N, C-alpha and C. Protein backbone atom coordinates (compact mmCIF):
# COMPACT_ATOMS: atom_id res chain seq x y z
N UNK A 1 -12.47 -13.68 15.71
CA UNK A 1 -12.35 -12.27 15.39
C UNK A 1 -13.13 -11.98 14.11
N UNK A 2 -13.76 -10.82 14.07
CA UNK A 2 -14.57 -10.43 12.91
C UNK A 2 -13.71 -10.28 11.66
N UNK A 3 -14.36 -10.29 10.51
CA UNK A 3 -13.67 -9.99 9.25
C UNK A 3 -14.12 -8.61 8.79
N UNK A 4 -13.34 -8.03 7.91
CA UNK A 4 -13.66 -6.72 7.36
C UNK A 4 -13.48 -6.74 5.85
N UNK A 5 -13.99 -5.73 5.20
CA UNK A 5 -13.78 -5.57 3.77
C UNK A 5 -12.68 -4.55 3.53
N UNK A 6 -12.09 -4.60 2.36
CA UNK A 6 -11.04 -3.64 2.01
C UNK A 6 -11.57 -2.21 2.03
N UNK A 7 -12.79 -2.03 1.56
CA UNK A 7 -13.33 -0.67 1.46
C UNK A 7 -13.45 0.01 2.82
N UNK A 8 -13.52 -0.77 3.90
CA UNK A 8 -13.60 -0.17 5.23
C UNK A 8 -12.31 0.55 5.62
N UNK A 9 -11.21 0.20 4.96
CA UNK A 9 -9.93 0.84 5.26
C UNK A 9 -9.56 1.92 4.25
N UNK A 10 -10.44 2.18 3.28
CA UNK A 10 -10.14 3.15 2.23
C UNK A 10 -9.77 4.50 2.83
N UNK A 11 -8.64 5.01 2.37
CA UNK A 11 -8.16 6.32 2.78
C UNK A 11 -7.84 7.11 1.53
N UNK A 12 -8.39 8.31 1.45
CA UNK A 12 -8.15 9.18 0.31
C UNK A 12 -7.55 10.49 0.83
N UNK A 13 -6.34 10.79 0.37
CA UNK A 13 -5.67 12.04 0.73
C UNK A 13 -5.48 12.85 -0.54
N UNK A 14 -5.92 14.10 -0.52
CA UNK A 14 -5.75 14.99 -1.67
C UNK A 14 -4.98 16.22 -1.21
N UNK A 15 -4.00 16.61 -2.01
CA UNK A 15 -3.15 17.74 -1.64
C UNK A 15 -2.63 18.42 -2.90
N UNK A 16 -2.05 19.59 -2.71
CA UNK A 16 -1.48 20.37 -3.80
C UNK A 16 0.04 20.27 -3.72
N UNK A 17 0.69 20.15 -4.87
CA UNK A 17 2.15 20.10 -4.91
C UNK A 17 2.67 21.54 -4.97
N UNK A 18 3.43 21.92 -3.93
CA UNK A 18 3.95 23.28 -3.81
C UNK A 18 5.40 23.36 -4.29
N UNK A 19 5.86 24.56 -4.67
CA UNK A 19 7.23 24.70 -5.21
C UNK A 19 8.33 24.19 -4.28
N UNK A 20 8.18 24.33 -2.98
CA UNK A 20 9.20 23.88 -2.04
C UNK A 20 9.30 22.37 -1.92
N UNK A 21 8.41 21.65 -2.57
CA UNK A 21 8.39 20.18 -2.52
C UNK A 21 8.90 19.55 -3.82
N UNK A 22 9.47 20.39 -4.67
CA UNK A 22 9.84 19.90 -6.00
C UNK A 22 11.35 19.96 -6.24
N UNK A 23 11.79 19.23 -7.26
CA UNK A 23 13.19 19.19 -7.66
C UNK A 23 13.47 20.29 -8.70
N UNK A 24 14.66 20.24 -9.31
CA UNK A 24 15.05 21.25 -10.30
C UNK A 24 14.19 21.23 -11.56
N UNK A 25 13.50 20.14 -11.80
CA UNK A 25 12.62 20.04 -12.96
C UNK A 25 11.18 20.43 -12.62
N UNK A 26 10.98 20.95 -11.42
CA UNK A 26 9.66 21.36 -10.92
C UNK A 26 8.68 20.18 -10.81
N UNK A 27 9.22 19.02 -10.46
CA UNK A 27 8.39 17.84 -10.19
C UNK A 27 8.54 17.46 -8.72
N UNK A 28 7.50 16.88 -8.17
CA UNK A 28 7.50 16.47 -6.77
C UNK A 28 8.67 15.54 -6.47
N UNK A 29 9.41 15.82 -5.40
CA UNK A 29 10.48 14.93 -4.96
C UNK A 29 9.92 13.54 -4.71
N UNK A 30 10.66 12.50 -5.13
CA UNK A 30 10.24 11.13 -4.88
C UNK A 30 10.07 10.84 -3.40
N UNK A 31 10.98 11.35 -2.58
CA UNK A 31 10.90 11.14 -1.14
C UNK A 31 9.67 11.78 -0.52
N UNK A 32 9.27 12.93 -1.05
CA UNK A 32 8.06 13.59 -0.57
C UNK A 32 6.84 12.74 -0.90
N UNK A 33 6.82 12.19 -2.11
CA UNK A 33 5.70 11.32 -2.49
C UNK A 33 5.68 10.06 -1.62
N UNK A 34 6.86 9.47 -1.37
CA UNK A 34 6.92 8.28 -0.51
C UNK A 34 6.37 8.57 0.88
N UNK A 35 6.68 9.74 1.42
CA UNK A 35 6.17 10.11 2.75
C UNK A 35 4.64 10.22 2.72
N UNK A 36 4.11 10.82 1.68
CA UNK A 36 2.64 10.94 1.57
C UNK A 36 2.00 9.55 1.44
N UNK A 37 2.64 8.69 0.66
CA UNK A 37 2.13 7.33 0.49
C UNK A 37 2.15 6.58 1.83
N UNK A 38 3.23 6.74 2.58
CA UNK A 38 3.36 6.09 3.88
C UNK A 38 2.27 6.56 4.83
N UNK A 39 1.97 7.86 4.83
CA UNK A 39 0.91 8.39 5.70
C UNK A 39 -0.45 7.83 5.32
N UNK A 40 -0.74 7.79 4.02
CA UNK A 40 -2.04 7.27 3.58
C UNK A 40 -2.17 5.79 3.96
N UNK A 41 -1.11 5.02 3.75
CA UNK A 41 -1.13 3.60 4.10
C UNK A 41 -1.26 3.41 5.60
N UNK A 42 -0.61 4.26 6.38
CA UNK A 42 -0.69 4.18 7.83
C UNK A 42 -2.12 4.38 8.32
N UNK A 43 -2.79 5.36 7.77
CA UNK A 43 -4.19 5.62 8.15
C UNK A 43 -5.06 4.43 7.77
N UNK A 44 -4.84 3.89 6.57
CA UNK A 44 -5.60 2.73 6.11
C UNK A 44 -5.39 1.53 7.04
N UNK A 45 -4.14 1.28 7.41
CA UNK A 45 -3.82 0.16 8.30
C UNK A 45 -4.46 0.35 9.67
N UNK A 46 -4.44 1.57 10.14
CA UNK A 46 -5.04 1.86 11.46
C UNK A 46 -6.56 1.69 11.39
N UNK A 47 -7.17 2.13 10.32
CA UNK A 47 -8.62 1.96 10.16
C UNK A 47 -8.99 0.48 10.18
N UNK A 48 -8.15 -0.32 9.53
CA UNK A 48 -8.45 -1.75 9.48
C UNK A 48 -8.27 -2.41 10.85
N UNK A 49 -7.14 -2.15 11.47
CA UNK A 49 -6.79 -2.87 12.70
C UNK A 49 -7.31 -2.21 13.97
N UNK A 50 -7.57 -0.90 13.90
CA UNK A 50 -7.95 -0.12 15.09
C UNK A 50 -6.90 -0.24 16.19
N UNK A 51 -5.64 -0.32 15.76
CA UNK A 51 -4.49 -0.44 16.67
C UNK A 51 -3.41 0.54 16.25
N UNK A 52 -2.36 0.63 17.05
CA UNK A 52 -1.16 1.35 16.65
C UNK A 52 -0.55 0.54 15.51
N UNK A 53 -0.07 1.21 14.48
CA UNK A 53 0.55 0.50 13.36
C UNK A 53 1.92 1.09 13.06
N UNK A 54 2.81 0.23 12.60
CA UNK A 54 4.16 0.66 12.23
C UNK A 54 4.48 0.13 10.83
N UNK A 55 5.23 0.92 10.09
CA UNK A 55 5.66 0.50 8.75
C UNK A 55 6.67 -0.62 8.89
N UNK A 56 6.40 -1.76 8.28
CA UNK A 56 7.35 -2.88 8.31
C UNK A 56 8.23 -2.86 7.06
N UNK A 57 7.63 -2.53 5.91
CA UNK A 57 8.42 -2.47 4.68
C UNK A 57 7.68 -1.71 3.59
N UNK A 58 8.47 -1.19 2.69
CA UNK A 58 7.96 -0.64 1.44
C UNK A 58 8.33 -1.69 0.42
N UNK A 59 7.34 -2.45 -0.03
CA UNK A 59 7.59 -3.62 -0.85
C UNK A 59 7.79 -3.30 -2.33
N UNK A 60 7.12 -2.25 -2.78
CA UNK A 60 7.12 -1.99 -4.21
C UNK A 60 6.65 -0.55 -4.42
N UNK A 61 7.37 0.18 -5.24
CA UNK A 61 6.95 1.53 -5.63
C UNK A 61 7.25 1.70 -7.10
N UNK A 62 6.30 2.25 -7.81
CA UNK A 62 6.48 2.54 -9.23
C UNK A 62 6.26 4.03 -9.44
N UNK A 63 7.29 4.71 -9.95
CA UNK A 63 7.17 6.10 -10.33
C UNK A 63 6.95 6.14 -11.84
N UNK A 64 5.71 6.03 -12.27
CA UNK A 64 5.40 5.95 -13.70
C UNK A 64 5.49 7.28 -14.41
N UNK A 65 5.01 8.33 -13.75
CA UNK A 65 5.00 9.66 -14.35
C UNK A 65 5.36 10.69 -13.30
N UNK A 66 5.95 11.78 -13.75
CA UNK A 66 6.30 12.87 -12.85
C UNK A 66 5.03 13.56 -12.36
N UNK A 67 5.14 14.16 -11.18
CA UNK A 67 4.04 14.91 -10.59
C UNK A 67 4.48 16.38 -10.57
N UNK A 68 4.00 17.18 -11.52
CA UNK A 68 4.47 18.56 -11.65
C UNK A 68 3.99 19.49 -10.54
N UNK A 69 4.77 20.54 -10.29
CA UNK A 69 4.38 21.57 -9.33
C UNK A 69 2.99 22.10 -9.71
N UNK A 70 2.18 22.36 -8.71
CA UNK A 70 0.83 22.86 -8.95
C UNK A 70 -0.21 21.77 -9.14
N UNK A 71 0.24 20.51 -9.24
CA UNK A 71 -0.70 19.41 -9.44
C UNK A 71 -1.54 19.17 -8.19
N UNK A 72 -2.78 18.79 -8.43
CA UNK A 72 -3.61 18.25 -7.36
C UNK A 72 -3.35 16.75 -7.39
N UNK A 73 -2.79 16.22 -6.31
CA UNK A 73 -2.43 14.80 -6.23
C UNK A 73 -3.33 14.12 -5.21
N UNK A 74 -3.86 12.97 -5.60
CA UNK A 74 -4.76 12.20 -4.74
C UNK A 74 -4.19 10.81 -4.55
N UNK A 75 -4.10 10.39 -3.30
CA UNK A 75 -3.63 9.05 -2.94
C UNK A 75 -4.81 8.26 -2.43
N UNK A 76 -4.98 7.05 -2.93
CA UNK A 76 -6.04 6.14 -2.48
C UNK A 76 -5.39 4.87 -1.97
N UNK A 77 -5.54 4.62 -0.67
CA UNK A 77 -4.92 3.46 -0.05
C UNK A 77 -5.98 2.60 0.61
N UNK A 78 -5.79 1.27 0.52
CA UNK A 78 -6.63 0.36 1.29
C UNK A 78 -5.93 -0.96 1.49
N UNK A 79 -6.30 -1.63 2.56
CA UNK A 79 -5.69 -2.91 2.89
C UNK A 79 -6.08 -3.92 1.83
N UNK A 80 -5.08 -4.59 1.25
CA UNK A 80 -5.35 -5.60 0.24
C UNK A 80 -5.43 -7.00 0.85
N UNK A 81 -4.70 -7.21 1.96
CA UNK A 81 -4.76 -8.50 2.64
C UNK A 81 -4.24 -8.33 4.06
N UNK A 82 -4.85 -9.06 4.98
CA UNK A 82 -4.40 -9.08 6.36
C UNK A 82 -3.90 -10.48 6.68
N UNK A 83 -2.80 -10.53 7.41
CA UNK A 83 -2.25 -11.81 7.87
C UNK A 83 -2.48 -11.86 9.39
N UNK A 84 -1.59 -12.44 10.15
CA UNK A 84 -1.83 -12.54 11.59
C UNK A 84 -1.79 -11.16 12.27
N UNK A 85 -0.69 -10.46 12.12
CA UNK A 85 -0.58 -9.11 12.69
C UNK A 85 -0.15 -8.09 11.64
N UNK A 86 0.24 -8.59 10.48
CA UNK A 86 0.68 -7.68 9.41
C UNK A 86 -0.41 -7.56 8.35
N UNK A 87 -0.31 -6.48 7.62
CA UNK A 87 -1.26 -6.26 6.53
C UNK A 87 -0.56 -5.56 5.38
N UNK A 88 -0.97 -5.92 4.18
CA UNK A 88 -0.45 -5.29 2.98
C UNK A 88 -1.43 -4.19 2.57
N UNK A 89 -0.88 -3.02 2.28
CA UNK A 89 -1.71 -1.90 1.84
C UNK A 89 -1.24 -1.48 0.46
N UNK A 90 -2.18 -1.37 -0.45
CA UNK A 90 -1.91 -0.94 -1.81
C UNK A 90 -2.31 0.52 -1.93
N UNK A 91 -1.46 1.34 -2.50
CA UNK A 91 -1.77 2.76 -2.66
C UNK A 91 -1.61 3.16 -4.12
N UNK A 92 -2.62 3.81 -4.65
CA UNK A 92 -2.61 4.33 -6.02
C UNK A 92 -2.53 5.85 -5.95
N UNK A 93 -1.73 6.44 -6.84
CA UNK A 93 -1.52 7.89 -6.84
C UNK A 93 -2.03 8.45 -8.16
N UNK A 94 -2.86 9.48 -8.07
CA UNK A 94 -3.50 10.09 -9.23
C UNK A 94 -3.20 11.58 -9.26
N UNK A 95 -3.13 12.16 -10.46
CA UNK A 95 -3.12 13.62 -10.58
C UNK A 95 -4.29 14.03 -11.44
N UNK A 96 -4.73 15.26 -11.23
CA UNK A 96 -5.88 15.81 -11.93
C UNK A 96 -5.40 16.78 -13.00
N UNK A 97 -5.98 16.69 -14.19
CA UNK A 97 -5.70 17.67 -15.22
C UNK A 97 -6.31 19.01 -14.77
N UNK A 98 -5.54 20.08 -14.90
CA UNK A 98 -5.98 21.39 -14.39
C UNK A 98 -7.25 21.89 -15.08
N UNK A 99 -7.38 21.66 -16.38
CA UNK A 99 -8.54 22.18 -17.10
C UNK A 99 -9.74 21.22 -17.06
N UNK A 100 -9.51 19.95 -17.39
CA UNK A 100 -10.62 19.01 -17.53
C UNK A 100 -11.02 18.32 -16.22
N UNK A 101 -10.08 18.24 -15.29
CA UNK A 101 -10.36 17.51 -14.04
C UNK A 101 -10.17 16.01 -14.18
N UNK A 102 -9.80 15.56 -15.39
CA UNK A 102 -9.59 14.13 -15.63
C UNK A 102 -8.43 13.63 -14.77
N UNK A 103 -8.64 12.47 -14.13
CA UNK A 103 -7.59 11.90 -13.28
C UNK A 103 -6.75 10.90 -14.07
N UNK A 104 -5.42 10.94 -13.83
CA UNK A 104 -4.48 10.03 -14.45
C UNK A 104 -3.68 9.36 -13.35
N UNK A 105 -3.59 8.02 -13.41
CA UNK A 105 -2.77 7.30 -12.43
C UNK A 105 -1.31 7.50 -12.79
N UNK A 106 -0.52 7.98 -11.79
CA UNK A 106 0.88 8.27 -12.05
C UNK A 106 1.84 7.38 -11.27
N UNK A 107 1.40 6.83 -10.16
CA UNK A 107 2.28 6.01 -9.32
C UNK A 107 1.44 5.02 -8.53
N UNK A 108 2.14 4.00 -8.00
CA UNK A 108 1.50 3.05 -7.09
C UNK A 108 2.57 2.47 -6.17
N UNK A 109 2.10 1.94 -5.07
CA UNK A 109 3.03 1.33 -4.13
C UNK A 109 2.34 0.29 -3.28
N UNK A 110 3.16 -0.58 -2.70
CA UNK A 110 2.66 -1.62 -1.80
C UNK A 110 3.49 -1.54 -0.52
N UNK A 111 2.83 -1.33 0.58
CA UNK A 111 3.47 -1.21 1.88
C UNK A 111 3.00 -2.34 2.78
N UNK A 112 3.82 -2.71 3.76
CA UNK A 112 3.41 -3.65 4.80
C UNK A 112 3.48 -2.95 6.14
N UNK A 113 2.40 -3.07 6.88
CA UNK A 113 2.33 -2.51 8.24
C UNK A 113 2.05 -3.64 9.21
N UNK A 114 2.46 -3.44 10.46
CA UNK A 114 2.19 -4.38 11.53
C UNK A 114 1.43 -3.65 12.62
N UNK A 115 0.38 -4.29 13.12
CA UNK A 115 -0.38 -3.74 14.24
C UNK A 115 0.29 -4.18 15.53
N UNK A 116 0.46 -3.23 16.44
CA UNK A 116 1.15 -3.51 17.71
C UNK A 116 0.35 -2.94 18.89
N UNK A 117 0.68 -3.45 20.08
CA UNK A 117 0.09 -2.89 21.29
C UNK A 117 0.96 -1.74 21.78
N UNK A 118 0.64 -1.21 22.96
CA UNK A 118 1.36 -0.06 23.50
C UNK A 118 2.83 -0.34 23.83
N UNK A 119 3.19 -1.63 23.90
CA UNK A 119 4.58 -1.99 24.18
C UNK A 119 5.35 -2.33 22.90
N UNK A 120 4.67 -2.28 21.76
CA UNK A 120 5.31 -2.60 20.49
C UNK A 120 5.22 -4.05 20.10
N UNK A 121 4.46 -4.84 20.86
CA UNK A 121 4.31 -6.27 20.56
C UNK A 121 3.21 -6.45 19.50
N UNK A 122 3.48 -7.25 18.45
CA UNK A 122 2.46 -7.48 17.42
C UNK A 122 1.18 -8.08 18.00
N UNK A 123 0.05 -7.63 17.46
CA UNK A 123 -1.26 -8.12 17.89
C UNK A 123 -2.05 -8.63 16.70
N UNK A 124 -2.95 -9.55 16.96
CA UNK A 124 -3.78 -10.15 15.92
C UNK A 124 -4.76 -9.13 15.37
N UNK A 125 -5.02 -9.23 14.07
CA UNK A 125 -5.92 -8.29 13.40
C UNK A 125 -7.00 -9.04 12.62
N UNK A 126 -8.10 -8.35 12.27
CA UNK A 126 -9.15 -8.99 11.48
C UNK A 126 -8.67 -9.34 10.08
N UNK A 127 -9.26 -10.38 9.52
CA UNK A 127 -8.96 -10.78 8.14
C UNK A 127 -9.79 -9.95 7.18
N UNK A 128 -9.39 -9.98 5.91
CA UNK A 128 -10.05 -9.22 4.85
C UNK A 128 -10.87 -10.16 3.97
N UNK A 129 -12.03 -9.68 3.59
CA UNK A 129 -12.83 -10.36 2.57
C UNK A 129 -12.87 -9.43 1.37
N UNK A 130 -12.14 -9.78 0.29
CA UNK A 130 -12.15 -8.91 -0.90
C UNK A 130 -13.50 -9.02 -1.61
N UNK A 131 -13.92 -7.89 -2.20
CA UNK A 131 -15.23 -7.88 -2.87
C UNK A 131 -15.12 -7.66 -4.38
N UNK A 132 -14.39 -6.67 -4.81
CA UNK A 132 -14.31 -6.36 -6.24
C UNK A 132 -13.27 -7.25 -6.92
N UNK A 133 -13.30 -7.25 -8.24
CA UNK A 133 -12.32 -8.03 -9.01
C UNK A 133 -10.89 -7.56 -8.70
N UNK A 134 -10.69 -6.25 -8.62
CA UNK A 134 -9.36 -5.72 -8.32
C UNK A 134 -8.93 -6.11 -6.90
N UNK A 135 -9.83 -6.01 -5.95
CA UNK A 135 -9.51 -6.41 -4.57
C UNK A 135 -9.15 -7.89 -4.50
N UNK A 136 -9.86 -8.72 -5.25
CA UNK A 136 -9.57 -10.16 -5.26
C UNK A 136 -8.20 -10.43 -5.89
N UNK A 137 -7.88 -9.72 -6.94
CA UNK A 137 -6.57 -9.88 -7.60
C UNK A 137 -5.44 -9.47 -6.65
N UNK A 138 -5.61 -8.33 -5.99
CA UNK A 138 -4.58 -7.85 -5.07
C UNK A 138 -4.48 -8.74 -3.84
N UNK A 139 -5.60 -9.26 -3.36
CA UNK A 139 -5.63 -10.18 -2.22
C UNK A 139 -4.81 -11.43 -2.53
N UNK A 140 -5.06 -12.01 -3.69
CA UNK A 140 -4.35 -13.23 -4.10
C UNK A 140 -2.85 -12.96 -4.27
N UNK A 141 -2.52 -11.84 -4.90
CA UNK A 141 -1.12 -11.49 -5.11
C UNK A 141 -0.37 -11.21 -3.81
N UNK A 142 -1.08 -10.77 -2.80
CA UNK A 142 -0.43 -10.43 -1.52
C UNK A 142 0.25 -11.64 -0.90
N UNK A 143 -0.35 -12.81 -1.00
CA UNK A 143 0.26 -14.01 -0.43
C UNK A 143 1.53 -14.37 -1.19
N UNK A 144 1.51 -14.25 -2.51
CA UNK A 144 2.72 -14.51 -3.30
C UNK A 144 3.83 -13.53 -2.92
N UNK A 145 3.46 -12.24 -2.80
CA UNK A 145 4.46 -11.24 -2.43
C UNK A 145 5.03 -11.51 -1.05
N UNK A 146 4.18 -11.93 -0.11
CA UNK A 146 4.66 -12.23 1.24
C UNK A 146 5.60 -13.43 1.21
N UNK A 147 5.23 -14.47 0.50
CA UNK A 147 6.09 -15.65 0.41
C UNK A 147 7.43 -15.31 -0.24
N UNK A 148 7.42 -14.51 -1.28
CA UNK A 148 8.66 -14.11 -1.93
C UNK A 148 9.55 -13.34 -0.96
N UNK A 149 8.96 -12.43 -0.22
CA UNK A 149 9.71 -11.66 0.77
C UNK A 149 10.33 -12.56 1.84
N UNK A 150 9.56 -13.54 2.30
CA UNK A 150 10.07 -14.47 3.32
C UNK A 150 11.19 -15.35 2.76
N UNK A 151 11.05 -15.79 1.52
CA UNK A 151 12.11 -16.60 0.89
C UNK A 151 13.39 -15.77 0.77
N UNK A 152 13.26 -14.53 0.29
CA UNK A 152 14.43 -13.67 0.11
C UNK A 152 15.10 -13.34 1.44
N UNK A 153 14.31 -13.27 2.51
CA UNK A 153 14.86 -12.98 3.84
C UNK A 153 15.40 -14.23 4.53
N UNK A 154 15.24 -15.39 3.90
CA UNK A 154 15.72 -16.64 4.49
C UNK A 154 14.82 -17.17 5.59
N UNK A 155 13.59 -16.68 5.66
CA UNK A 155 12.66 -17.11 6.70
C UNK A 155 11.69 -18.20 6.22
N UNK A 156 11.74 -18.51 4.93
CA UNK A 156 10.90 -19.54 4.35
C UNK A 156 11.72 -20.25 3.28
N UNK A 157 11.68 -21.58 3.29
CA UNK A 157 12.40 -22.34 2.28
C UNK A 157 11.64 -22.25 0.96
N UNK A 158 12.36 -22.11 -0.15
CA UNK A 158 11.69 -21.98 -1.44
C UNK A 158 10.67 -23.08 -1.73
N UNK A 159 10.98 -24.32 -1.32
CA UNK A 159 10.03 -25.42 -1.59
C UNK A 159 8.78 -25.34 -0.72
N UNK A 160 8.77 -24.47 0.28
CA UNK A 160 7.59 -24.28 1.13
C UNK A 160 6.71 -23.12 0.64
N UNK A 161 7.17 -22.38 -0.33
CA UNK A 161 6.43 -21.24 -0.87
C UNK A 161 5.41 -21.74 -1.89
N UNK A 162 4.33 -22.27 -1.41
CA UNK A 162 3.34 -22.94 -2.24
C UNK A 162 2.74 -22.04 -3.33
N UNK A 163 2.46 -20.80 -2.99
CA UNK A 163 1.86 -19.89 -3.97
C UNK A 163 2.85 -19.54 -5.08
N UNK A 164 4.11 -19.42 -4.73
CA UNK A 164 5.13 -19.13 -5.74
C UNK A 164 5.34 -20.34 -6.64
N UNK A 165 5.39 -21.52 -6.05
CA UNK A 165 5.56 -22.74 -6.84
C UNK A 165 4.41 -22.92 -7.82
N UNK A 166 3.22 -22.56 -7.39
CA UNK A 166 2.04 -22.72 -8.25
C UNK A 166 2.15 -21.86 -9.51
N UNK A 167 2.84 -20.73 -9.41
CA UNK A 167 3.03 -19.88 -10.59
C UNK A 167 3.81 -20.59 -11.69
N UNK A 168 4.77 -21.41 -11.27
CA UNK A 168 5.66 -22.06 -12.22
C UNK A 168 5.22 -23.47 -12.60
N UNK A 169 4.30 -24.04 -11.84
CA UNK A 169 3.84 -25.41 -12.10
C UNK A 169 2.51 -25.46 -12.83
N UNK A 170 2.02 -24.31 -13.27
CA UNK A 170 0.72 -24.34 -13.94
C UNK A 170 0.85 -24.29 -15.43
């Protein structure tokens, strides 16, 4: 099977935060942002696999800064690593300053998607070749995150988590 680069799955969604999407402090609801992040990651996963994709997990979300009403919010998602049928997608969330246009990173998340066929059975997907320093860092971290998730779920014995052990034995 062919390999792909992370940039081939790049998905950029830009939208405006409207009053009906905000809480009492006039900031975007966290759940609304999670839904937008899930959609961006879904598109990225589909671009990579060219298959039906389903959300397997939301592995990590950081709400660093509030997203005020009226903000232009941009989500950038791309596959950081592909495994057999699952893939990790990293999404960065930015807002634009109204006057200067300067972008500030306000949130990030890591999602896992699985590519499936029409019956819902997992299917094999292309592997990723990271190119940039950030892509290489996220690619390497994806295996550690996967091993940690498997250990916590009881699907992998801690002594078999080679990437996690390497963190503590170096």
